[in-house]
N, C-alpha and C. Protein backbone atom coordinates (compact mmCIF):
# COMPACT_ATOMS: atom_id res chain seq x y z
N MET A 1 36.19 -53.04 -95.58
CA MET A 1 37.32 -52.29 -95.06
C MET A 1 36.88 -51.28 -94.00
N LEU A 2 35.78 -50.58 -94.26
CA LEU A 2 35.28 -49.61 -93.27
C LEU A 2 35.06 -50.28 -91.92
N SER A 3 34.51 -51.48 -91.93
CA SER A 3 34.21 -52.15 -90.65
C SER A 3 35.47 -52.42 -89.84
N LYS A 4 36.59 -52.73 -90.49
CA LYS A 4 37.84 -52.98 -89.77
C LYS A 4 38.34 -51.68 -89.14
N PHE A 5 38.31 -50.57 -89.88
CA PHE A 5 38.68 -49.27 -89.33
C PHE A 5 37.77 -48.93 -88.15
N GLN A 6 36.47 -49.17 -88.31
CA GLN A 6 35.52 -48.86 -87.24
C GLN A 6 35.82 -49.67 -85.98
N GLN A 7 36.07 -50.97 -86.16
CA GLN A 7 36.34 -51.83 -85.01
C GLN A 7 37.59 -51.39 -84.27
N VAL A 8 38.68 -51.17 -85.00
CA VAL A 8 39.94 -50.78 -84.36
C VAL A 8 39.81 -49.38 -83.75
N GLY A 9 39.20 -48.46 -84.46
CA GLY A 9 39.00 -47.11 -83.93
C GLY A 9 38.18 -47.10 -82.65
N ARG A 10 37.11 -47.87 -82.66
CA ARG A 10 36.25 -47.96 -81.46
C ARG A 10 37.02 -48.60 -80.30
N ASP A 11 37.79 -49.65 -80.59
CA ASP A 11 38.56 -50.31 -79.53
C ASP A 11 39.63 -49.39 -78.95
N LEU A 12 40.30 -48.61 -79.80
CA LEU A 12 41.28 -47.65 -79.30
C LEU A 12 40.62 -46.64 -78.38
N PHE A 13 39.45 -46.14 -78.80
CA PHE A 13 38.75 -45.14 -78.00
C PHE A 13 38.25 -45.72 -76.68
N THR A 14 37.61 -46.88 -76.72
CA THR A 14 37.04 -47.44 -75.49
C THR A 14 38.12 -47.87 -74.50
N ARG A 15 39.30 -48.18 -74.98
CA ARG A 15 40.41 -48.53 -74.08
C ARG A 15 41.15 -47.29 -73.58
N GLY A 16 40.75 -46.10 -74.03
CA GLY A 16 41.38 -44.87 -73.58
C GLY A 16 42.73 -44.61 -74.22
N LEU A 17 42.97 -45.19 -75.40
CA LEU A 17 44.25 -45.01 -76.08
C LEU A 17 44.25 -43.81 -77.02
N VAL A 18 43.07 -43.24 -77.26
CA VAL A 18 42.91 -41.99 -77.99
C VAL A 18 41.77 -41.21 -77.34
N ALA A 19 41.83 -39.90 -77.45
CA ALA A 19 40.73 -39.06 -76.97
C ALA A 19 39.70 -38.94 -78.09
N SER A 20 38.67 -38.15 -77.89
CA SER A 20 37.55 -38.12 -78.84
C SER A 20 37.96 -37.81 -80.28
N HIS A 21 38.87 -36.89 -80.49
CA HIS A 21 39.23 -36.48 -81.86
C HIS A 21 40.73 -36.57 -82.11
N THR A 22 41.39 -37.57 -81.53
CA THR A 22 42.83 -37.70 -81.72
C THR A 22 43.16 -39.08 -82.29
N GLY A 23 44.41 -39.22 -82.71
CA GLY A 23 44.88 -40.47 -83.26
C GLY A 23 44.49 -40.64 -84.71
N ASN A 24 45.11 -41.61 -85.37
CA ASN A 24 44.80 -41.89 -86.76
C ASN A 24 45.23 -43.30 -87.13
N LEU A 25 44.60 -43.81 -88.17
CA LEU A 25 44.83 -45.16 -88.67
C LEU A 25 45.07 -45.08 -90.17
N SER A 26 45.87 -46.00 -90.68
CA SER A 26 46.00 -46.09 -92.13
C SER A 26 46.37 -47.50 -92.54
N ILE A 27 46.08 -47.80 -93.81
CA ILE A 27 46.53 -49.03 -94.43
C ILE A 27 47.11 -48.68 -95.80
N ARG A 28 48.01 -49.54 -96.26
CA ARG A 28 48.62 -49.37 -97.58
C ARG A 28 47.87 -50.24 -98.59
N LEU A 29 47.61 -49.68 -99.75
CA LEU A 29 47.07 -50.40 -100.89
C LEU A 29 47.97 -50.11 -102.09
N ARG A 30 48.99 -50.93 -102.27
CA ARG A 30 50.03 -50.74 -103.29
C ARG A 30 50.67 -49.36 -103.14
N ASN A 31 50.42 -48.44 -104.08
CA ASN A 31 51.03 -47.10 -103.99
C ASN A 31 50.04 -46.05 -103.46
N ARG A 32 48.99 -46.53 -102.79
CA ARG A 32 47.97 -45.65 -102.22
C ARG A 32 47.87 -45.91 -100.71
N ILE A 33 47.29 -44.96 -100.01
CA ILE A 33 47.04 -45.07 -98.58
C ILE A 33 45.56 -44.78 -98.34
N ILE A 34 44.98 -45.51 -97.43
CA ILE A 34 43.68 -45.12 -96.89
C ILE A 34 43.98 -44.72 -95.45
N ILE A 35 43.70 -43.46 -95.13
CA ILE A 35 44.03 -42.89 -93.83
C ILE A 35 42.80 -42.17 -93.29
N THR A 36 42.70 -42.12 -91.98
CA THR A 36 41.56 -41.43 -91.39
C THR A 36 41.65 -39.92 -91.62
N ARG A 37 40.48 -39.32 -91.68
CA ARG A 37 40.34 -37.88 -91.96
C ARG A 37 40.84 -37.05 -90.78
N ARG A 38 41.36 -35.91 -91.10
CA ARG A 38 41.81 -34.93 -90.11
C ARG A 38 40.69 -34.61 -89.13
N GLY A 39 40.96 -34.77 -87.82
CA GLY A 39 40.01 -34.40 -86.79
C GLY A 39 38.80 -35.32 -86.63
N CYS A 40 38.82 -36.50 -87.21
CA CYS A 40 37.66 -37.38 -87.08
C CYS A 40 37.64 -38.05 -85.71
N MET A 41 36.54 -38.68 -85.40
CA MET A 41 36.39 -39.41 -84.14
C MET A 41 36.65 -40.89 -84.42
N LEU A 42 37.79 -41.41 -83.95
CA LEU A 42 38.11 -42.81 -84.21
C LEU A 42 37.08 -43.75 -83.60
N GLY A 43 36.43 -43.33 -82.53
CA GLY A 43 35.43 -44.17 -81.89
C GLY A 43 34.11 -44.25 -82.62
N ALA A 44 33.92 -43.43 -83.66
CA ALA A 44 32.65 -43.40 -84.40
C ALA A 44 32.91 -43.10 -85.88
N LEU A 45 33.78 -43.87 -86.49
CA LEU A 45 34.14 -43.63 -87.89
C LEU A 45 32.99 -43.92 -88.85
N GLU A 46 32.91 -43.09 -89.90
CA GLU A 46 31.94 -43.30 -90.97
C GLU A 46 32.71 -43.30 -92.29
N GLU A 47 32.04 -43.69 -93.35
CA GLU A 47 32.67 -43.82 -94.67
C GLU A 47 33.46 -42.55 -95.07
N HIS A 48 32.86 -41.39 -94.84
CA HIS A 48 33.53 -40.14 -95.25
C HIS A 48 34.78 -39.82 -94.42
N ASP A 49 35.02 -40.59 -93.35
CA ASP A 49 36.20 -40.38 -92.51
C ASP A 49 37.44 -41.09 -93.05
N LEU A 50 37.29 -41.89 -94.10
CA LEU A 50 38.43 -42.58 -94.72
C LEU A 50 38.81 -41.86 -96.00
N ILE A 51 40.06 -41.44 -96.04
CA ILE A 51 40.57 -40.67 -97.17
C ILE A 51 41.60 -41.51 -97.92
N GLU A 52 41.41 -41.65 -99.22
CA GLU A 52 42.39 -42.35 -100.04
C GLU A 52 43.27 -41.32 -100.76
N THR A 53 44.57 -41.52 -100.66
CA THR A 53 45.52 -40.62 -101.29
C THR A 53 46.78 -41.40 -101.66
N GLY A 54 47.71 -40.73 -102.33
CA GLY A 54 48.92 -41.40 -102.76
C GLY A 54 49.96 -41.51 -101.66
N ILE A 55 50.82 -42.52 -101.77
CA ILE A 55 51.93 -42.65 -100.82
C ILE A 55 52.98 -41.58 -101.11
N GLU A 56 53.16 -41.26 -102.38
CA GLU A 56 54.22 -40.31 -102.73
C GLU A 56 53.72 -38.96 -103.20
N LYS A 57 52.48 -38.87 -103.65
CA LYS A 57 52.03 -37.56 -104.14
C LYS A 57 50.61 -37.26 -103.70
N ASN A 58 50.32 -35.99 -103.70
CA ASN A 58 49.01 -35.50 -103.29
C ASN A 58 48.01 -35.64 -104.42
N ASP A 59 46.73 -35.64 -104.03
CA ASP A 59 45.64 -35.55 -104.98
C ASP A 59 44.57 -34.68 -104.35
N ARG A 60 43.41 -34.63 -104.94
CA ARG A 60 42.40 -33.66 -104.49
C ARG A 60 41.90 -33.91 -103.06
N LEU A 61 41.97 -35.15 -102.53
CA LEU A 61 41.50 -35.43 -101.18
C LEU A 61 42.57 -35.28 -100.10
N THR A 62 43.80 -35.11 -100.51
CA THR A 62 44.91 -35.04 -99.55
C THR A 62 44.69 -34.00 -98.45
N PRO A 63 44.17 -32.81 -98.74
CA PRO A 63 43.98 -31.83 -97.65
C PRO A 63 43.05 -32.30 -96.53
N LEU A 64 42.23 -33.32 -96.79
CA LEU A 64 41.32 -33.83 -95.76
C LEU A 64 41.98 -34.87 -94.86
N ALA A 65 43.13 -35.39 -95.28
CA ALA A 65 43.80 -36.47 -94.55
C ALA A 65 44.34 -35.98 -93.21
N SER A 66 44.58 -36.93 -92.33
CA SER A 66 45.15 -36.66 -91.02
C SER A 66 46.38 -35.75 -91.10
N THR A 67 46.58 -34.96 -90.07
CA THR A 67 47.76 -34.09 -90.01
C THR A 67 49.05 -34.91 -89.90
N GLU A 68 48.94 -36.19 -89.60
CA GLU A 68 50.11 -37.08 -89.50
C GLU A 68 50.39 -37.79 -90.83
N LEU A 69 49.76 -37.36 -91.91
CA LEU A 69 49.95 -38.01 -93.22
C LEU A 69 51.42 -38.13 -93.60
N ALA A 70 52.21 -37.09 -93.37
CA ALA A 70 53.63 -37.13 -93.74
C ALA A 70 54.35 -38.27 -93.03
N VAL A 71 53.99 -38.53 -91.78
CA VAL A 71 54.62 -39.62 -91.02
C VAL A 71 54.19 -40.96 -91.61
N HIS A 72 52.92 -41.13 -91.87
CA HIS A 72 52.44 -42.39 -92.45
C HIS A 72 53.12 -42.65 -93.80
N ARG A 73 53.21 -41.63 -94.62
CA ARG A 73 53.88 -41.79 -95.92
C ARG A 73 55.33 -42.22 -95.75
N ALA A 74 56.04 -41.56 -94.86
CA ALA A 74 57.46 -41.89 -94.65
C ALA A 74 57.62 -43.32 -94.16
N ILE A 75 56.72 -43.76 -93.28
CA ILE A 75 56.79 -45.13 -92.76
C ILE A 75 56.56 -46.13 -93.89
N TYR A 76 55.55 -45.89 -94.72
CA TYR A 76 55.28 -46.81 -95.82
C TYR A 76 56.43 -46.84 -96.84
N GLN A 77 57.07 -45.72 -97.03
CA GLN A 77 58.19 -45.66 -97.98
C GLN A 77 59.43 -46.36 -97.43
N ALA A 78 59.61 -46.39 -96.11
CA ALA A 78 60.83 -46.91 -95.51
C ALA A 78 60.72 -48.33 -94.96
N THR A 79 59.50 -48.83 -94.80
CA THR A 79 59.31 -50.14 -94.15
C THR A 79 58.34 -50.99 -94.97
N PRO A 80 58.26 -52.28 -94.64
CA PRO A 80 57.27 -53.13 -95.31
C PRO A 80 55.88 -53.09 -94.65
N ALA A 81 55.66 -52.17 -93.71
CA ALA A 81 54.38 -52.08 -92.99
C ALA A 81 53.22 -51.96 -93.97
N GLN A 82 52.12 -52.58 -93.61
CA GLN A 82 50.89 -52.49 -94.39
C GLN A 82 49.79 -51.76 -93.61
N ALA A 83 50.05 -51.48 -92.32
CA ALA A 83 49.08 -50.80 -91.47
C ALA A 83 49.82 -50.01 -90.40
N ILE A 84 49.25 -48.86 -90.03
CA ILE A 84 49.85 -47.99 -89.01
C ILE A 84 48.75 -47.47 -88.10
N ILE A 85 49.08 -47.43 -86.81
CA ILE A 85 48.21 -46.78 -85.82
C ILE A 85 49.04 -45.73 -85.11
N HIS A 86 48.48 -44.53 -85.02
CA HIS A 86 49.05 -43.48 -84.18
C HIS A 86 48.04 -43.21 -83.07
N ALA A 87 48.47 -43.47 -81.84
CA ALA A 87 47.59 -43.32 -80.68
C ALA A 87 48.30 -42.51 -79.60
N HIS A 88 47.56 -42.19 -78.55
CA HIS A 88 48.09 -41.42 -77.43
C HIS A 88 47.86 -42.18 -76.12
N PRO A 89 48.46 -43.36 -75.97
CA PRO A 89 48.26 -44.13 -74.76
C PRO A 89 48.81 -43.38 -73.55
N PRO A 90 48.00 -43.11 -72.54
CA PRO A 90 48.40 -42.20 -71.47
C PRO A 90 49.60 -42.63 -70.64
N HIS A 91 49.68 -43.89 -70.25
CA HIS A 91 50.82 -44.32 -69.43
C HIS A 91 52.11 -44.33 -70.24
N ALA A 92 52.03 -44.79 -71.48
CA ALA A 92 53.22 -44.78 -72.34
C ALA A 92 53.65 -43.35 -72.63
N THR A 93 52.69 -42.46 -72.82
CA THR A 93 53.03 -41.06 -73.07
C THR A 93 53.71 -40.45 -71.85
N ALA A 94 53.19 -40.76 -70.66
CA ALA A 94 53.83 -40.26 -69.43
C ALA A 94 55.26 -40.79 -69.32
N LEU A 95 55.45 -42.07 -69.58
CA LEU A 95 56.81 -42.64 -69.51
C LEU A 95 57.72 -42.02 -70.56
N SER A 96 57.15 -41.62 -71.70
CA SER A 96 57.98 -41.02 -72.76
C SER A 96 58.56 -39.68 -72.34
N MET A 97 58.01 -39.09 -71.29
CA MET A 97 58.54 -37.82 -70.80
C MET A 97 59.58 -38.02 -69.70
N ALA A 98 59.81 -39.30 -69.34
CA ALA A 98 60.75 -39.59 -68.26
C ALA A 98 61.88 -40.52 -68.67
N ALA A 99 61.80 -41.11 -69.87
CA ALA A 99 62.82 -42.08 -70.28
C ALA A 99 63.05 -42.00 -71.79
N THR A 100 64.22 -42.41 -72.21
CA THR A 100 64.54 -42.38 -73.64
C THR A 100 64.14 -43.67 -74.35
N GLU A 101 63.69 -44.66 -73.57
CA GLU A 101 63.11 -45.87 -74.16
C GLU A 101 62.21 -46.54 -73.12
N ILE A 102 61.25 -47.29 -73.63
CA ILE A 102 60.37 -48.06 -72.76
C ILE A 102 60.72 -49.52 -73.00
N VAL A 103 61.13 -50.19 -71.92
CA VAL A 103 61.52 -51.59 -72.01
C VAL A 103 60.49 -52.42 -71.25
N PRO A 104 59.68 -53.18 -71.97
CA PRO A 104 58.68 -54.02 -71.28
C PRO A 104 59.34 -54.96 -70.28
N ASN A 105 58.68 -55.15 -69.14
CA ASN A 105 59.24 -56.01 -68.11
C ASN A 105 58.46 -57.31 -67.95
N CYS A 106 57.60 -57.61 -68.89
CA CYS A 106 56.92 -58.91 -68.87
C CYS A 106 57.12 -59.57 -70.23
N ALA A 107 57.18 -60.89 -70.22
CA ALA A 107 57.52 -61.66 -71.42
C ALA A 107 56.57 -61.40 -72.58
N GLU A 108 55.27 -61.31 -72.30
CA GLU A 108 54.29 -61.13 -73.37
C GLU A 108 54.49 -59.81 -74.10
N SER A 109 54.62 -58.72 -73.35
CA SER A 109 54.82 -57.41 -73.98
C SER A 109 56.16 -57.33 -74.69
N LEU A 110 57.17 -57.94 -74.09
CA LEU A 110 58.49 -57.91 -74.72
C LEU A 110 58.46 -58.63 -76.05
N SER A 111 57.75 -59.76 -76.14
CA SER A 111 57.70 -60.49 -77.41
C SER A 111 56.77 -59.81 -78.41
N THR A 112 55.74 -59.12 -77.94
CA THR A 112 54.80 -58.46 -78.84
C THR A 112 55.34 -57.14 -79.37
N VAL A 113 55.89 -56.32 -78.48
CA VAL A 113 56.28 -54.96 -78.88
C VAL A 113 57.78 -54.75 -78.86
N GLY A 114 58.50 -55.43 -78.00
CA GLY A 114 59.95 -55.22 -77.89
C GLY A 114 60.26 -53.88 -77.25
N THR A 115 61.51 -53.51 -77.28
CA THR A 115 61.93 -52.22 -76.73
C THR A 115 61.39 -51.10 -77.61
N VAL A 116 60.91 -50.04 -76.99
CA VAL A 116 60.29 -48.92 -77.71
C VAL A 116 61.12 -47.66 -77.49
N PRO A 117 61.80 -47.16 -78.54
CA PRO A 117 62.56 -45.93 -78.37
C PRO A 117 61.64 -44.71 -78.25
N VAL A 118 62.11 -43.71 -77.52
CA VAL A 118 61.38 -42.44 -77.40
C VAL A 118 62.15 -41.42 -78.24
N LEU A 119 61.48 -40.86 -79.23
CA LEU A 119 62.09 -39.92 -80.16
C LEU A 119 61.64 -38.50 -79.86
N GLY A 120 62.43 -37.53 -80.28
CA GLY A 120 62.01 -36.13 -80.17
C GLY A 120 62.32 -35.46 -78.85
N TRP A 121 63.29 -35.97 -78.12
CA TRP A 121 63.68 -35.34 -76.86
C TRP A 121 64.16 -33.91 -77.10
N LYS A 122 63.80 -33.02 -76.18
CA LYS A 122 64.21 -31.62 -76.22
C LYS A 122 63.77 -30.93 -77.52
N MET A 123 62.63 -31.37 -78.05
CA MET A 123 62.09 -30.78 -79.28
C MET A 123 60.60 -30.53 -79.09
N THR A 124 60.09 -29.57 -79.81
CA THR A 124 58.65 -29.41 -79.91
C THR A 124 58.25 -30.08 -81.21
N VAL A 125 57.52 -31.17 -81.10
CA VAL A 125 57.16 -31.94 -82.28
C VAL A 125 55.72 -31.62 -82.66
N LYS A 126 55.54 -31.09 -83.84
CA LYS A 126 54.21 -30.76 -84.35
C LYS A 126 53.68 -31.96 -85.12
N PRO A 127 52.35 -32.05 -85.29
CA PRO A 127 51.80 -33.15 -86.09
C PRO A 127 52.49 -33.22 -87.46
N GLY A 128 52.87 -34.41 -87.84
CA GLY A 128 53.57 -34.61 -89.11
C GLY A 128 55.07 -34.45 -88.99
N GLY A 129 55.55 -34.03 -87.81
CA GLY A 129 56.97 -33.81 -87.61
C GLY A 129 57.73 -35.11 -87.34
N LEU A 130 59.02 -35.06 -87.51
CA LEU A 130 59.93 -36.19 -87.29
C LEU A 130 59.62 -37.38 -88.19
N ALA A 131 58.98 -37.14 -89.32
CA ALA A 131 58.54 -38.24 -90.18
C ALA A 131 59.67 -39.19 -90.54
N GLU A 132 60.79 -38.67 -90.99
CA GLU A 132 61.91 -39.53 -91.42
C GLU A 132 62.53 -40.26 -90.23
N THR A 133 62.65 -39.59 -89.10
CA THR A 133 63.21 -40.19 -87.89
C THR A 133 62.33 -41.33 -87.39
N ILE A 134 61.03 -41.12 -87.38
CA ILE A 134 60.08 -42.15 -86.96
C ILE A 134 60.14 -43.34 -87.91
N ALA A 135 60.13 -43.06 -89.21
CA ALA A 135 60.17 -44.14 -90.20
C ALA A 135 61.45 -44.97 -90.06
N GLU A 136 62.56 -44.29 -89.88
CA GLU A 136 63.84 -44.99 -89.73
C GLU A 136 63.83 -45.89 -88.50
N ALA A 137 63.31 -45.41 -87.39
CA ALA A 137 63.26 -46.21 -86.16
C ALA A 137 62.34 -47.42 -86.33
N LEU A 138 61.28 -47.27 -87.12
CA LEU A 138 60.34 -48.37 -87.32
C LEU A 138 60.88 -49.44 -88.27
N ARG A 139 62.06 -49.23 -88.82
CA ARG A 139 62.71 -50.30 -89.58
C ARG A 139 63.14 -51.42 -88.64
N GLU A 140 63.43 -51.06 -87.38
CA GLU A 140 63.95 -52.02 -86.41
C GLU A 140 63.02 -52.27 -85.22
N HIS A 141 61.97 -51.48 -85.09
CA HIS A 141 61.06 -51.60 -83.95
C HIS A 141 59.63 -51.71 -84.46
N ARG A 142 58.78 -52.34 -83.66
CA ARG A 142 57.35 -52.43 -84.03
C ARG A 142 56.57 -51.19 -83.61
N ALA A 143 57.15 -50.44 -82.66
CA ALA A 143 56.49 -49.23 -82.18
C ALA A 143 57.55 -48.25 -81.73
N VAL A 144 57.20 -46.97 -81.83
CA VAL A 144 58.04 -45.90 -81.29
C VAL A 144 57.13 -44.92 -80.56
N MET A 145 57.72 -44.24 -79.59
CA MET A 145 57.03 -43.16 -78.90
C MET A 145 57.65 -41.85 -79.34
N VAL A 146 56.83 -40.82 -79.42
CA VAL A 146 57.33 -39.46 -79.64
C VAL A 146 57.17 -38.75 -78.30
N HIS A 147 58.25 -38.19 -77.81
CA HIS A 147 58.32 -37.55 -76.49
C HIS A 147 57.09 -36.69 -76.21
N GLY A 148 56.32 -37.09 -75.21
CA GLY A 148 55.16 -36.33 -74.78
C GLY A 148 54.01 -36.28 -75.76
N HIS A 149 54.04 -37.10 -76.80
CA HIS A 149 53.01 -36.99 -77.84
C HIS A 149 52.20 -38.27 -78.03
N GLY A 150 52.83 -39.37 -78.33
CA GLY A 150 52.09 -40.60 -78.57
C GLY A 150 52.95 -41.61 -79.29
N CYS A 151 52.31 -42.70 -79.70
CA CYS A 151 53.07 -43.79 -80.33
C CYS A 151 52.63 -43.99 -81.77
N PHE A 152 53.55 -44.56 -82.53
CA PHE A 152 53.27 -45.06 -83.87
C PHE A 152 53.60 -46.54 -83.83
N ALA A 153 52.64 -47.38 -84.21
CA ALA A 153 52.84 -48.82 -84.24
C ALA A 153 52.52 -49.33 -85.63
N VAL A 154 53.26 -50.33 -86.08
CA VAL A 154 53.09 -50.87 -87.43
C VAL A 154 52.75 -52.35 -87.39
N GLY A 155 52.21 -52.84 -88.50
CA GLY A 155 51.92 -54.25 -88.65
C GLY A 155 51.53 -54.55 -90.08
N GLN A 156 51.23 -55.80 -90.32
CA GLN A 156 50.74 -56.20 -91.64
C GLN A 156 49.24 -55.95 -91.76
N LEU A 157 48.57 -55.92 -90.62
CA LEU A 157 47.14 -55.64 -90.53
C LEU A 157 46.92 -54.60 -89.44
N LEU A 158 45.79 -53.91 -89.47
CA LEU A 158 45.46 -52.98 -88.39
C LEU A 158 45.45 -53.70 -87.04
N GLU A 159 45.00 -54.96 -87.02
CA GLU A 159 44.96 -55.73 -85.78
C GLU A 159 46.35 -55.91 -85.20
N ASP A 160 47.37 -56.10 -86.06
CA ASP A 160 48.75 -56.25 -85.58
C ASP A 160 49.22 -54.96 -84.90
N ALA A 161 48.97 -53.83 -85.55
CA ALA A 161 49.38 -52.54 -84.98
C ALA A 161 48.59 -52.26 -83.69
N PHE A 162 47.33 -52.68 -83.65
CA PHE A 162 46.51 -52.52 -82.44
C PHE A 162 47.08 -53.36 -81.30
N SER A 163 47.44 -54.62 -81.60
CA SER A 163 48.02 -55.49 -80.59
C SER A 163 49.29 -54.88 -80.01
N CYS A 164 50.10 -54.31 -80.87
CA CYS A 164 51.34 -53.68 -80.44
C CYS A 164 51.05 -52.45 -79.55
N THR A 165 50.08 -51.65 -79.96
CA THR A 165 49.70 -50.45 -79.20
C THR A 165 49.18 -50.82 -77.82
N THR A 166 48.32 -51.82 -77.75
CA THR A 166 47.77 -52.21 -76.45
C THR A 166 48.84 -52.85 -75.56
N ALA A 167 49.73 -53.65 -76.15
CA ALA A 167 50.81 -54.25 -75.36
C ALA A 167 51.72 -53.17 -74.79
N LEU A 168 52.01 -52.14 -75.60
CA LEU A 168 52.83 -51.02 -75.12
C LEU A 168 52.16 -50.33 -73.94
N GLU A 169 50.88 -50.06 -74.04
CA GLU A 169 50.19 -49.38 -72.95
C GLU A 169 50.10 -50.28 -71.71
N GLU A 170 49.83 -51.55 -71.89
CA GLU A 170 49.74 -52.45 -70.74
C GLU A 170 51.07 -52.57 -70.00
N CYS A 171 52.17 -52.70 -70.75
CA CYS A 171 53.47 -52.79 -70.06
C CYS A 171 53.81 -51.45 -69.42
N SER A 172 53.41 -50.36 -70.04
CA SER A 172 53.65 -49.03 -69.46
C SER A 172 52.88 -48.86 -68.15
N GLN A 173 51.67 -49.41 -68.08
CA GLN A 173 50.89 -49.36 -66.84
C GLN A 173 51.62 -50.11 -65.73
N VAL A 174 52.16 -51.27 -66.05
CA VAL A 174 52.88 -52.06 -65.06
C VAL A 174 54.14 -51.31 -64.60
N ILE A 175 54.89 -50.76 -65.55
CA ILE A 175 56.09 -49.98 -65.20
C ILE A 175 55.71 -48.80 -64.31
N TYR A 176 54.63 -48.10 -64.68
CA TYR A 176 54.15 -46.96 -63.91
C TYR A 176 53.79 -47.39 -62.48
N LEU A 177 53.08 -48.51 -62.36
CA LEU A 177 52.71 -48.99 -61.02
C LEU A 177 53.94 -49.36 -60.21
N LEU A 178 54.91 -50.02 -60.83
CA LEU A 178 56.15 -50.36 -60.13
C LEU A 178 56.86 -49.11 -59.64
N LYS A 179 56.91 -48.09 -60.51
CA LYS A 179 57.56 -46.83 -60.11
C LYS A 179 56.79 -46.17 -58.96
N SER A 180 55.48 -46.22 -59.00
CA SER A 180 54.69 -45.59 -57.92
C SER A 180 54.89 -46.34 -56.60
N LEU A 181 55.19 -47.62 -56.68
CA LEU A 181 55.46 -48.40 -55.48
C LEU A 181 56.93 -48.34 -55.09
N GLN A 182 57.71 -47.67 -55.90
CA GLN A 182 59.15 -47.58 -55.74
C GLN A 182 59.77 -48.97 -55.70
N ALA A 183 59.23 -49.84 -56.51
CA ALA A 183 59.72 -51.20 -56.58
C ALA A 183 60.61 -51.37 -57.82
N GLN A 184 61.54 -52.26 -57.72
CA GLN A 184 62.41 -52.58 -58.83
C GLN A 184 61.92 -53.86 -59.50
N PRO A 185 61.91 -53.88 -60.84
CA PRO A 185 61.51 -55.12 -61.50
C PRO A 185 62.48 -56.25 -61.14
N THR A 186 61.96 -57.44 -61.07
CA THR A 186 62.81 -58.59 -60.79
C THR A 186 63.14 -59.28 -62.10
N ALA A 187 64.33 -59.83 -62.14
CA ALA A 187 64.77 -60.49 -63.38
C ALA A 187 64.32 -61.93 -63.42
């Protein structure tokens, strides 16, 4: 299990989807969660960076868990997701400050991620905030953006959530380039 977290964490970091000490990953194990430690480096995860805690209640290791634990818990309680990635993809984050949804304009991204709502407009969202709103949106979407903050993507495996996160960033790059060229997407 550690090796899967390490691979996905390293890939997120090397692709520039998280900074040195940002983002978090988790998987569900029945009524438990394994989530990355608060402030860890996703690009260089070690065994002590994985924290196991309850989906519904705290235990002695809970204070070490990511500051986004409340969001991960709410998502697991509201959806059938088995894995979650919270990342800060730069182009998608920039678009989240200019639009209320990100609509992929290429077939691959549209089929992988679909339309991505942007939540938290006109709000200051702190880590762990909007947990119920994010969870509710993920009942119908594979990924959501939080205005100016980052994305939450879900899947049955960490690889699924990673695929969704990278597709979101790739389509956001294309949208960003089209906007910089002042070009309109063609249907």
